Amino acid sequence: MAAPTYHATAKALHWLTALAVFGLLGVGLWMTGLPISLLKLQVYAWHKWIGLVVLVLTAARLLWRWRHPPPPLPDAVTRWERALAPVGHWALLILLVAMPASGWLMSSAAGVSVSWFGVLPLPDLVPRNPDLFEALRTVHFVLSRCLIVVVALHVAAVLHHDVLRRDGIFRRMWPSGRN
């Protein structure tokens, strides 16, 4: 009997989030070195817009998970893996809320209003404050590095399970896996 897999909705939310996060991390690392230009402003806008998409997707994932718990782990998963798996997943989810929130706060503190896809103006979360902006820029930077580490550990765990152990953990989240 095949191990139970995640629901198609959970899989779609996971993979859309993963694609957005990998794109955001790559663009985020690249855009800070760009010279002041129209391109830099456009890239920053897209970074904010997709960051907000991640925030919405993560909220949807949390709501989905609240109503649809993940399938149980297979018996082949060791006790220490069972203990660490939820810690890693919750760390990812917390970072996926904290990163866009800190970016939105940072923009507000810089006095730069956020408009989602240039269409939906969002409220400033804090008044313009250069000192707060600098502090939030540091927070956003530190959170980005934490996210990189947690994502790398997540991918390493996937490779460990799929390549080394071949225990079916990865296939539970793979889009073509059966529900």
N, C-alpha and C. Protein backbone atom coordinates (compact mmCIF):
# COMPACT_ATOMS: atom_id res chain seq x y z
N MET A 1 0.84 -1.18 0.00
CA MET A 1 0.00 0.00 0.00
C MET A 1 0.89 1.25 0.00
N ALA A 2 0.56 2.21 -0.85
CA ALA A 2 1.35 3.44 -0.96
C ALA A 2 1.11 4.32 0.26
N ALA A 3 2.15 5.03 0.65
CA ALA A 3 2.03 5.96 1.77
C ALA A 3 1.09 7.09 1.37
N PRO A 4 0.29 7.60 2.34
CA PRO A 4 -0.61 8.70 2.01
C PRO A 4 0.16 9.95 1.61
N THR A 5 -0.40 10.68 0.64
CA THR A 5 0.25 11.90 0.17
C THR A 5 -0.55 13.12 0.61
N TYR A 6 0.02 14.28 0.38
CA TYR A 6 -0.67 15.52 0.67
C TYR A 6 -1.79 15.73 -0.35
N HIS A 7 -2.79 16.49 0.03
CA HIS A 7 -3.89 16.83 -0.87
C HIS A 7 -3.35 17.71 -2.00
N ALA A 8 -4.00 17.67 -3.15
CA ALA A 8 -3.57 18.45 -4.31
C ALA A 8 -3.51 19.95 -3.99
N THR A 9 -4.40 20.44 -3.16
CA THR A 9 -4.37 21.87 -2.79
C THR A 9 -3.10 22.19 -2.00
N ALA A 10 -2.76 21.34 -1.04
CA ALA A 10 -1.53 21.55 -0.25
C ALA A 10 -0.31 21.50 -1.15
N LYS A 11 -0.31 20.58 -2.11
CA LYS A 11 0.82 20.48 -3.04
C LYS A 11 0.93 21.74 -3.90
N ALA A 12 -0.19 22.20 -4.42
CA ALA A 12 -0.16 23.40 -5.27
C ALA A 12 0.34 24.61 -4.47
N LEU A 13 -0.16 24.78 -3.26
CA LEU A 13 0.28 25.91 -2.43
C LEU A 13 1.78 25.79 -2.12
N HIS A 14 2.24 24.58 -1.83
CA HIS A 14 3.65 24.35 -1.53
C HIS A 14 4.53 24.73 -2.72
N TRP A 15 4.22 24.20 -3.91
CA TRP A 15 5.09 24.40 -5.07
C TRP A 15 5.01 25.83 -5.59
N LEU A 16 3.85 26.46 -5.53
CA LEU A 16 3.77 27.88 -5.91
C LEU A 16 4.62 28.73 -4.97
N THR A 17 4.52 28.43 -3.68
CA THR A 17 5.33 29.16 -2.69
C THR A 17 6.81 28.92 -2.93
N ALA A 18 7.18 27.67 -3.17
CA ALA A 18 8.60 27.33 -3.39
C ALA A 18 9.16 28.09 -4.59
N LEU A 19 8.42 28.10 -5.70
CA LEU A 19 8.88 28.83 -6.89
C LEU A 19 9.03 30.31 -6.60
N ALA A 20 8.06 30.89 -5.91
CA ALA A 20 8.12 32.31 -5.58
C ALA A 20 9.30 32.61 -4.65
N VAL A 21 9.51 31.76 -3.66
CA VAL A 21 10.59 32.00 -2.69
C VAL A 21 11.95 31.90 -3.37
N PHE A 22 12.16 30.88 -4.19
CA PHE A 22 13.45 30.77 -4.88
C PHE A 22 13.68 31.99 -5.78
N GLY A 23 12.64 32.43 -6.48
CA GLY A 23 12.76 33.62 -7.30
C GLY A 23 13.06 34.86 -6.47
N LEU A 24 12.34 35.02 -5.36
CA LEU A 24 12.55 36.18 -4.50
C LEU A 24 13.96 36.21 -3.91
N LEU A 25 14.44 35.06 -3.47
CA LEU A 25 15.79 35.03 -2.91
C LEU A 25 16.83 35.39 -3.96
N GLY A 26 16.69 34.84 -5.15
CA GLY A 26 17.63 35.16 -6.22
C GLY A 26 17.57 36.63 -6.61
N VAL A 27 16.38 37.13 -6.83
CA VAL A 27 16.22 38.54 -7.20
C VAL A 27 16.66 39.45 -6.06
N GLY A 28 16.32 39.07 -4.82
CA GLY A 28 16.71 39.88 -3.67
C GLY A 28 18.21 40.02 -3.53
N LEU A 29 18.92 38.93 -3.76
CA LEU A 29 20.39 38.99 -3.68
C LEU A 29 20.98 39.82 -4.82
N TRP A 30 20.34 39.76 -5.99
CA TRP A 30 20.83 40.48 -7.17
C TRP A 30 20.50 41.96 -7.12
N MET A 31 19.28 42.30 -6.71
CA MET A 31 18.79 43.67 -6.88
C MET A 31 19.51 44.69 -6.00
N THR A 32 20.00 44.26 -4.86
CA THR A 32 20.63 45.23 -3.95
C THR A 32 21.92 45.81 -4.54
N GLY A 33 22.54 45.10 -5.46
CA GLY A 33 23.77 45.59 -6.08
C GLY A 33 23.54 46.42 -7.33
N LEU A 34 22.29 46.57 -7.74
CA LEU A 34 22.02 47.35 -8.95
C LEU A 34 22.23 48.84 -8.68
N PRO A 35 22.73 49.56 -9.67
CA PRO A 35 22.83 51.03 -9.51
C PRO A 35 21.42 51.63 -9.54
N ILE A 36 21.28 52.79 -8.92
CA ILE A 36 19.99 53.49 -8.94
C ILE A 36 19.59 53.72 -10.39
N SER A 37 18.42 53.21 -10.75
CA SER A 37 17.94 53.31 -12.12
C SER A 37 16.47 52.93 -12.14
N LEU A 38 15.86 53.10 -13.29
CA LEU A 38 14.47 52.67 -13.47
C LEU A 38 14.37 51.15 -13.30
N LEU A 39 15.36 50.42 -13.81
CA LEU A 39 15.37 48.97 -13.66
C LEU A 39 15.34 48.58 -12.18
N LYS A 40 16.17 49.22 -11.38
CA LYS A 40 16.22 48.89 -9.95
C LYS A 40 14.87 49.14 -9.29
N LEU A 41 14.24 50.26 -9.61
CA LEU A 41 12.92 50.56 -9.05
C LEU A 41 11.89 49.52 -9.47
N GLN A 42 11.94 49.10 -10.73
CA GLN A 42 11.01 48.08 -11.23
C GLN A 42 11.25 46.74 -10.55
N VAL A 43 12.52 46.37 -10.39
CA VAL A 43 12.85 45.09 -9.76
C VAL A 43 12.41 45.10 -8.30
N TYR A 44 12.63 46.21 -7.59
CA TYR A 44 12.18 46.31 -6.20
C TYR A 44 10.66 46.20 -6.12
N ALA A 45 9.95 46.83 -7.06
CA ALA A 45 8.49 46.73 -7.06
C ALA A 45 8.05 45.28 -7.24
N TRP A 46 8.64 44.59 -8.22
CA TRP A 46 8.28 43.19 -8.44
C TRP A 46 8.63 42.33 -7.23
N HIS A 47 9.76 42.62 -6.59
CA HIS A 47 10.16 41.89 -5.39
C HIS A 47 9.09 42.04 -4.31
N LYS A 48 8.62 43.26 -4.12
CA LYS A 48 7.56 43.51 -3.12
C LYS A 48 6.28 42.79 -3.50
N TRP A 49 5.91 42.87 -4.78
CA TRP A 49 4.66 42.27 -5.22
C TRP A 49 4.67 40.76 -5.01
N ILE A 50 5.76 40.12 -5.40
CA ILE A 50 5.84 38.66 -5.25
C ILE A 50 5.99 38.29 -3.77
N GLY A 51 6.66 39.13 -2.99
CA GLY A 51 6.73 38.91 -1.55
C GLY A 51 5.34 38.88 -0.93
N LEU A 52 4.48 39.79 -1.39
CA LEU A 52 3.10 39.79 -0.90
C LEU A 52 2.33 38.56 -1.37
N VAL A 53 2.65 38.08 -2.57
CA VAL A 53 2.04 36.82 -3.04
C VAL A 53 2.44 35.69 -2.08
N VAL A 54 3.70 35.65 -1.67
CA VAL A 54 4.16 34.62 -0.73
C VAL A 54 3.40 34.75 0.59
N LEU A 55 3.18 35.97 1.04
CA LEU A 55 2.43 36.18 2.28
C LEU A 55 1.01 35.63 2.16
N VAL A 56 0.35 35.90 1.04
CA VAL A 56 -1.01 35.40 0.81
C VAL A 56 -1.01 33.88 0.68
N LEU A 57 -0.06 33.33 -0.08
CA LEU A 57 0.03 31.88 -0.21
C LEU A 57 0.28 31.21 1.14
N THR A 58 1.13 31.82 1.95
CA THR A 58 1.43 31.24 3.27
C THR A 58 0.20 31.30 4.16
N ALA A 59 -0.54 32.40 4.12
CA ALA A 59 -1.79 32.47 4.89
C ALA A 59 -2.75 31.38 4.42
N ALA A 60 -2.84 31.19 3.11
CA ALA A 60 -3.70 30.12 2.57
C ALA A 60 -3.21 28.75 3.03
N ARG A 61 -1.91 28.55 3.03
CA ARG A 61 -1.35 27.26 3.48
C ARG A 61 -1.69 27.01 4.95
N LEU A 62 -1.55 28.05 5.77
CA LEU A 62 -1.86 27.90 7.19
C LEU A 62 -3.34 27.61 7.41
N LEU A 63 -4.19 28.30 6.67
CA LEU A 63 -5.64 28.01 6.78
C LEU A 63 -5.95 26.59 6.30
N TRP A 64 -5.34 26.19 5.20
CA TRP A 64 -5.56 24.84 4.68
C TRP A 64 -5.09 23.81 5.70
N ARG A 65 -3.92 24.02 6.24
CA ARG A 65 -3.34 23.05 7.18
C ARG A 65 -4.16 22.96 8.46
N TRP A 66 -4.75 24.07 8.87
CA TRP A 66 -5.60 24.08 10.06
C TRP A 66 -6.79 23.15 9.87
N ARG A 67 -7.34 23.13 8.66
CA ARG A 67 -8.51 22.30 8.38
C ARG A 67 -8.16 20.91 7.83
N HIS A 68 -6.93 20.77 7.32
CA HIS A 68 -6.51 19.52 6.69
C HIS A 68 -5.10 19.17 7.18
N PRO A 69 -4.99 18.44 8.27
CA PRO A 69 -3.65 18.11 8.79
C PRO A 69 -2.86 17.29 7.77
N PRO A 70 -1.53 17.40 7.83
CA PRO A 70 -0.71 16.62 6.89
C PRO A 70 -0.85 15.13 7.17
N PRO A 71 -0.57 14.32 6.15
CA PRO A 71 -0.64 12.87 6.37
C PRO A 71 0.43 12.43 7.37
N PRO A 72 0.17 11.32 8.06
CA PRO A 72 1.17 10.86 9.03
C PRO A 72 2.46 10.45 8.34
N LEU A 73 3.55 10.58 9.07
CA LEU A 73 4.85 10.17 8.54
C LEU A 73 4.92 8.65 8.46
N PRO A 74 5.60 8.13 7.46
CA PRO A 74 5.75 6.67 7.36
C PRO A 74 6.55 6.12 8.55
N ASP A 75 6.39 4.84 8.82
CA ASP A 75 7.09 4.20 9.93
C ASP A 75 8.61 4.25 9.77
N ALA A 76 9.09 4.36 8.54
CA ALA A 76 10.54 4.38 8.29
C ALA A 76 11.21 5.64 8.83
N VAL A 77 10.45 6.66 9.16
CA VAL A 77 11.01 7.92 9.66
C VAL A 77 11.44 7.71 11.11
N THR A 78 12.68 8.08 11.40
CA THR A 78 13.23 7.86 12.75
C THR A 78 12.65 8.85 13.76
N ARG A 79 12.88 8.57 15.03
CA ARG A 79 12.34 9.42 16.10
C ARG A 79 12.90 10.84 16.01
N TRP A 80 14.20 10.98 15.75
CA TRP A 80 14.77 12.32 15.69
C TRP A 80 14.25 13.09 14.47
N GLU A 81 14.00 12.37 13.37
CA GLU A 81 13.42 13.02 12.19
C GLU A 81 11.98 13.47 12.47
N ARG A 82 11.24 12.64 13.20
CA ARG A 82 9.86 13.00 13.59
C ARG A 82 9.85 14.24 14.48
N ALA A 83 10.87 14.38 15.31
CA ALA A 83 10.95 15.54 16.20
C ALA A 83 11.34 16.80 15.44
N LEU A 84 12.27 16.66 14.48
CA LEU A 84 12.77 17.84 13.76
C LEU A 84 11.86 18.29 12.62
N ALA A 85 11.13 17.38 12.00
CA ALA A 85 10.30 17.74 10.84
C ALA A 85 9.33 18.88 11.14
N PRO A 86 8.55 18.80 12.21
CA PRO A 86 7.63 19.93 12.45
C PRO A 86 8.36 21.22 12.81
N VAL A 87 9.50 21.12 13.45
CA VAL A 87 10.29 22.32 13.79
C VAL A 87 10.72 23.01 12.49
N GLY A 88 11.24 22.22 11.54
CA GLY A 88 11.67 22.78 10.26
C GLY A 88 10.52 23.38 9.48
N HIS A 89 9.39 22.67 9.45
CA HIS A 89 8.24 23.18 8.69
C HIS A 89 7.69 24.46 9.32
N TRP A 90 7.59 24.50 10.63
CA TRP A 90 7.08 25.72 11.28
C TRP A 90 8.07 26.86 11.15
N ALA A 91 9.36 26.57 11.17
CA ALA A 91 10.36 27.63 10.95
C ALA A 91 10.18 28.23 9.56
N LEU A 92 9.97 27.38 8.57
CA LEU A 92 9.72 27.87 7.21
C LEU A 92 8.48 28.75 7.17
N LEU A 93 7.39 28.27 7.74
CA LEU A 93 6.14 29.02 7.69
C LEU A 93 6.26 30.36 8.41
N ILE A 94 6.92 30.37 9.56
CA ILE A 94 7.11 31.63 10.30
C ILE A 94 7.95 32.60 9.47
N LEU A 95 9.02 32.10 8.85
CA LEU A 95 9.86 32.97 8.03
C LEU A 95 9.10 33.47 6.79
N LEU A 96 8.20 32.64 6.26
CA LEU A 96 7.44 33.05 5.08
C LEU A 96 6.37 34.10 5.40
N VAL A 97 6.08 34.28 6.67
CA VAL A 97 5.23 35.40 7.11
C VAL A 97 6.12 36.58 7.49
N ALA A 98 7.18 36.31 8.22
CA ALA A 98 8.04 37.38 8.74
C ALA A 98 8.77 38.13 7.63
N MET A 99 9.23 37.42 6.60
CA MET A 99 9.98 38.10 5.53
C MET A 99 9.13 39.15 4.81
N PRO A 100 7.96 38.80 4.26
CA PRO A 100 7.18 39.84 3.58
C PRO A 100 6.68 40.92 4.55
N ALA A 101 6.36 40.51 5.78
CA ALA A 101 5.91 41.51 6.76
C ALA A 101 7.03 42.51 7.05
N SER A 102 8.26 42.02 7.22
CA SER A 102 9.37 42.93 7.49
C SER A 102 9.67 43.82 6.29
N GLY A 103 9.50 43.28 5.08
CA GLY A 103 9.69 44.10 3.88
C GLY A 103 8.64 45.20 3.77
N TRP A 104 7.39 44.86 4.06
CA TRP A 104 6.30 45.84 4.02
C TRP A 104 6.53 46.92 5.08
N LEU A 105 6.90 46.48 6.29
CA LEU A 105 7.21 47.44 7.35
C LEU A 105 8.38 48.34 6.95
N MET A 106 9.40 47.73 6.35
CA MET A 106 10.59 48.48 5.92
C MET A 106 10.20 49.55 4.89
N SER A 107 9.38 49.17 3.92
CA SER A 107 8.93 50.15 2.91
C SER A 107 8.16 51.28 3.57
N SER A 108 7.28 50.93 4.49
CA SER A 108 6.50 51.95 5.18
C SER A 108 7.42 52.90 5.94
N ALA A 109 8.39 52.35 6.67
CA ALA A 109 9.32 53.18 7.44
C ALA A 109 10.18 54.05 6.54
N ALA A 110 10.40 53.61 5.30
CA ALA A 110 11.17 54.40 4.34
C ALA A 110 10.32 55.50 3.71
N GLY A 111 9.01 55.44 3.96
CA GLY A 111 8.11 56.42 3.34
C GLY A 111 7.73 56.05 1.92
N VAL A 112 7.91 54.78 1.57
CA VAL A 112 7.58 54.28 0.23
C VAL A 112 6.35 53.39 0.37
N SER A 113 5.22 53.88 -0.07
CA SER A 113 3.99 53.11 0.02
C SER A 113 4.06 51.90 -0.90
N VAL A 114 3.39 50.84 -0.47
CA VAL A 114 3.36 49.61 -1.26
C VAL A 114 2.02 49.53 -1.97
N SER A 115 2.09 49.25 -3.25
CA SER A 115 0.90 49.04 -4.06
C SER A 115 1.05 47.67 -4.71
N TRP A 116 0.12 46.77 -4.43
CA TRP A 116 0.24 45.40 -4.92
C TRP A 116 -0.02 45.34 -6.42
N PHE A 117 1.01 44.98 -7.16
CA PHE A 117 1.00 44.91 -8.62
C PHE A 117 0.63 46.26 -9.24
N GLY A 118 0.92 47.35 -8.51
CA GLY A 118 0.65 48.69 -9.00
C GLY A 118 -0.83 49.02 -9.08
N VAL A 119 -1.68 48.17 -8.50
CA VAL A 119 -3.12 48.35 -8.62
C VAL A 119 -3.79 48.56 -7.26
N LEU A 120 -3.41 47.75 -6.29
CA LEU A 120 -4.06 47.77 -4.98
C LEU A 120 -3.15 48.46 -3.96
N PRO A 121 -3.47 49.72 -3.62
CA PRO A 121 -2.63 50.41 -2.63
C PRO A 121 -2.84 49.80 -1.25
N LEU A 122 -1.73 49.54 -0.58
CA LEU A 122 -1.79 48.95 0.76
C LEU A 122 -1.45 50.02 1.78
N PRO A 123 -2.00 49.90 2.98
CA PRO A 123 -1.72 50.94 3.98
C PRO A 123 -0.28 50.87 4.46
N ASP A 124 0.24 52.03 4.83
CA ASP A 124 1.54 52.05 5.48
C ASP A 124 1.35 51.47 6.88
N LEU A 125 2.22 50.57 7.26
CA LEU A 125 2.08 49.90 8.56
C LEU A 125 2.66 50.72 9.70
N VAL A 126 3.63 51.57 9.37
CA VAL A 126 4.26 52.46 10.36
C VAL A 126 4.51 53.79 9.66
N PRO A 127 4.62 54.88 10.44
CA PRO A 127 4.96 56.15 9.81
C PRO A 127 6.42 56.17 9.35
N ARG A 128 6.72 57.10 8.46
CA ARG A 128 8.10 57.25 7.96
C ARG A 128 9.03 57.51 9.14
N ASN A 129 10.10 56.72 9.18
CA ASN A 129 11.06 56.84 10.29
C ASN A 129 12.38 56.24 9.82
N PRO A 130 13.36 57.08 9.50
CA PRO A 130 14.65 56.58 8.97
C PRO A 130 15.36 55.60 9.91
N ASP A 131 15.30 55.85 11.22
CA ASP A 131 15.95 54.93 12.16
C ASP A 131 15.27 53.56 12.16
N LEU A 132 13.94 53.58 12.15
CA LEU A 132 13.19 52.33 12.10
C LEU A 132 13.46 51.61 10.78
N PHE A 133 13.54 52.37 9.69
CA PHE A 133 13.86 51.78 8.39
C PHE A 133 15.18 51.01 8.46
N GLU A 134 16.21 51.62 9.03
CA GLU A 134 17.52 50.96 9.12
C GLU A 134 17.43 49.69 9.95
N ALA A 135 16.71 49.76 11.07
CA ALA A 135 16.55 48.57 11.91
C ALA A 135 15.80 47.47 11.16
N LEU A 136 14.75 47.85 10.44
CA LEU A 136 13.97 46.86 9.68
C LEU A 136 14.75 46.30 8.50
N ARG A 137 15.61 47.13 7.92
CA ARG A 137 16.47 46.62 6.84
C ARG A 137 17.39 45.53 7.38
N THR A 138 17.91 45.73 8.57
CA THR A 138 18.75 44.71 9.21
C THR A 138 17.93 43.46 9.51
N VAL A 139 16.72 43.64 10.03
CA VAL A 139 15.84 42.50 10.32
C VAL A 139 15.57 41.72 9.04
N HIS A 140 15.21 42.42 7.97
CA HIS A 140 14.90 41.76 6.70
C HIS A 140 16.11 40.99 6.18
N PHE A 141 17.29 41.58 6.30
CA PHE A 141 18.53 40.93 5.87
C PHE A 141 18.77 39.65 6.69
N VAL A 142 18.66 39.75 8.01
CA VAL A 142 18.90 38.59 8.88
C VAL A 142 17.87 37.50 8.61
N LEU A 143 16.60 37.90 8.47
CA LEU A 143 15.56 36.91 8.16
C LEU A 143 15.83 36.23 6.82
N SER A 144 16.33 36.99 5.84
CA SER A 144 16.62 36.39 4.53
C SER A 144 17.70 35.32 4.65
N ARG A 145 18.70 35.58 5.47
CA ARG A 145 19.76 34.59 5.67
C ARG A 145 19.25 33.38 6.43
N CYS A 146 18.38 33.61 7.40
CA CYS A 146 17.75 32.50 8.12
C CYS A 146 16.91 31.66 7.15
N LEU A 147 16.18 32.33 6.28
CA LEU A 147 15.35 31.62 5.30
C LEU A 147 16.22 30.79 4.37
N ILE A 148 17.32 31.34 3.92
CA ILE A 148 18.24 30.59 3.05
C ILE A 148 18.72 29.33 3.76
N VAL A 149 19.09 29.45 5.02
CA VAL A 149 19.57 28.29 5.79
C VAL A 149 18.46 27.26 5.95
N VAL A 150 17.27 27.70 6.33
CA VAL A 150 16.17 26.75 6.57
C VAL A 150 15.74 26.09 5.26
N VAL A 151 15.70 26.84 4.16
CA VAL A 151 15.36 26.25 2.87
C VAL A 151 16.44 25.24 2.46
N ALA A 152 17.70 25.58 2.67
CA ALA A 152 18.79 24.64 2.34
C ALA A 152 18.66 23.36 3.16
N LEU A 153 18.34 23.49 4.44
CA LEU A 153 18.15 22.29 5.28
C LEU A 153 16.95 21.49 4.82
N HIS A 154 15.89 22.17 4.41
CA HIS A 154 14.69 21.49 3.90
C HIS A 154 15.02 20.70 2.63
N VAL A 155 15.74 21.33 1.72
CA VAL A 155 16.13 20.66 0.48
C VAL A 155 17.08 19.50 0.79
N ALA A 156 17.99 19.70 1.73
CA ALA A 156 18.90 18.61 2.13
C ALA A 156 18.13 17.44 2.71
N ALA A 157 17.12 17.72 3.51
CA ALA A 157 16.29 16.65 4.07
C ALA A 157 15.54 15.90 2.97
N VAL A 158 15.04 16.65 2.00
CA VAL A 158 14.35 16.02 0.86
C VAL A 158 15.31 15.10 0.12
N LEU A 159 16.51 15.60 -0.17
CA LEU A 159 17.50 14.77 -0.87
C LEU A 159 17.89 13.55 -0.04
N HIS A 160 18.04 13.73 1.26
CA HIS A 160 18.37 12.61 2.15
C HIS A 160 17.30 11.53 2.05
N HIS A 161 16.04 11.95 2.11
CA HIS A 161 14.95 10.97 2.06
C HIS A 161 14.76 10.36 0.68
N ASP A 162 14.87 11.19 -0.36
CA ASP A 162 14.57 10.67 -1.70
C ASP A 162 15.73 9.95 -2.34
N VAL A 163 16.95 10.48 -2.19
CA VAL A 163 18.11 9.90 -2.87
C VAL A 163 18.77 8.81 -2.03
N LEU A 164 19.00 9.10 -0.76
CA LEU A 164 19.72 8.14 0.08
C LEU A 164 18.81 7.05 0.65
N ARG A 165 17.71 7.47 1.25
CA ARG A 165 16.85 6.50 1.93
C ARG A 165 15.75 5.93 1.03
N ARG A 166 15.36 6.68 0.04
CA ARG A 166 14.29 6.26 -0.89
C ARG A 166 13.06 5.77 -0.12
N ASP A 167 12.63 6.58 0.85
CA ASP A 167 11.53 6.16 1.72
C ASP A 167 10.17 6.76 1.36
N GLY A 168 10.10 7.49 0.23
CA GLY A 168 8.82 7.99 -0.25
C GLY A 168 8.37 9.32 0.32
N ILE A 169 9.17 9.92 1.19
CA ILE A 169 8.77 11.20 1.79
C ILE A 169 8.57 12.27 0.71
N PHE A 170 9.50 12.36 -0.22
CA PHE A 170 9.42 13.39 -1.26
C PHE A 170 8.19 13.18 -2.14
N ARG A 171 7.91 11.95 -2.49
CA ARG A 171 6.78 11.67 -3.38
C ARG A 171 5.44 12.06 -2.77
N ARG A 172 5.38 12.21 -1.45
CA ARG A 172 4.13 12.64 -0.81
C ARG A 172 3.76 14.06 -1.19
N MET A 173 4.77 14.89 -1.53
CA MET A 173 4.52 16.28 -1.88
C MET A 173 4.69 16.53 -3.38
N TRP A 174 5.20 15.57 -4.12
CA TRP A 174 5.42 15.75 -5.54
C TRP A 174 4.05 15.88 -6.24
N PRO A 175 3.91 16.84 -7.17
CA PRO A 175 2.60 17.10 -7.79
C PRO A 175 1.94 15.87 -8.42
N SER A 176 2.69 14.98 -9.00
CA SER A 176 2.07 13.84 -9.69
C SER A 176 1.74 12.67 -8.75
N GLY A 177 2.11 12.80 -7.47
CA GLY A 177 1.78 11.73 -6.54
C GLY A 177 0.29 11.62 -6.32
N ARG A 178 -0.18 10.42 -6.07
CA ARG A 178 -1.63 10.19 -5.88
C ARG A 178 -2.05 10.61 -4.49
N ASN A 179 -3.30 11.09 -4.40
CA ASN A 179 -3.89 11.42 -3.10
C ASN A 179 -4.58 10.21 -2.52
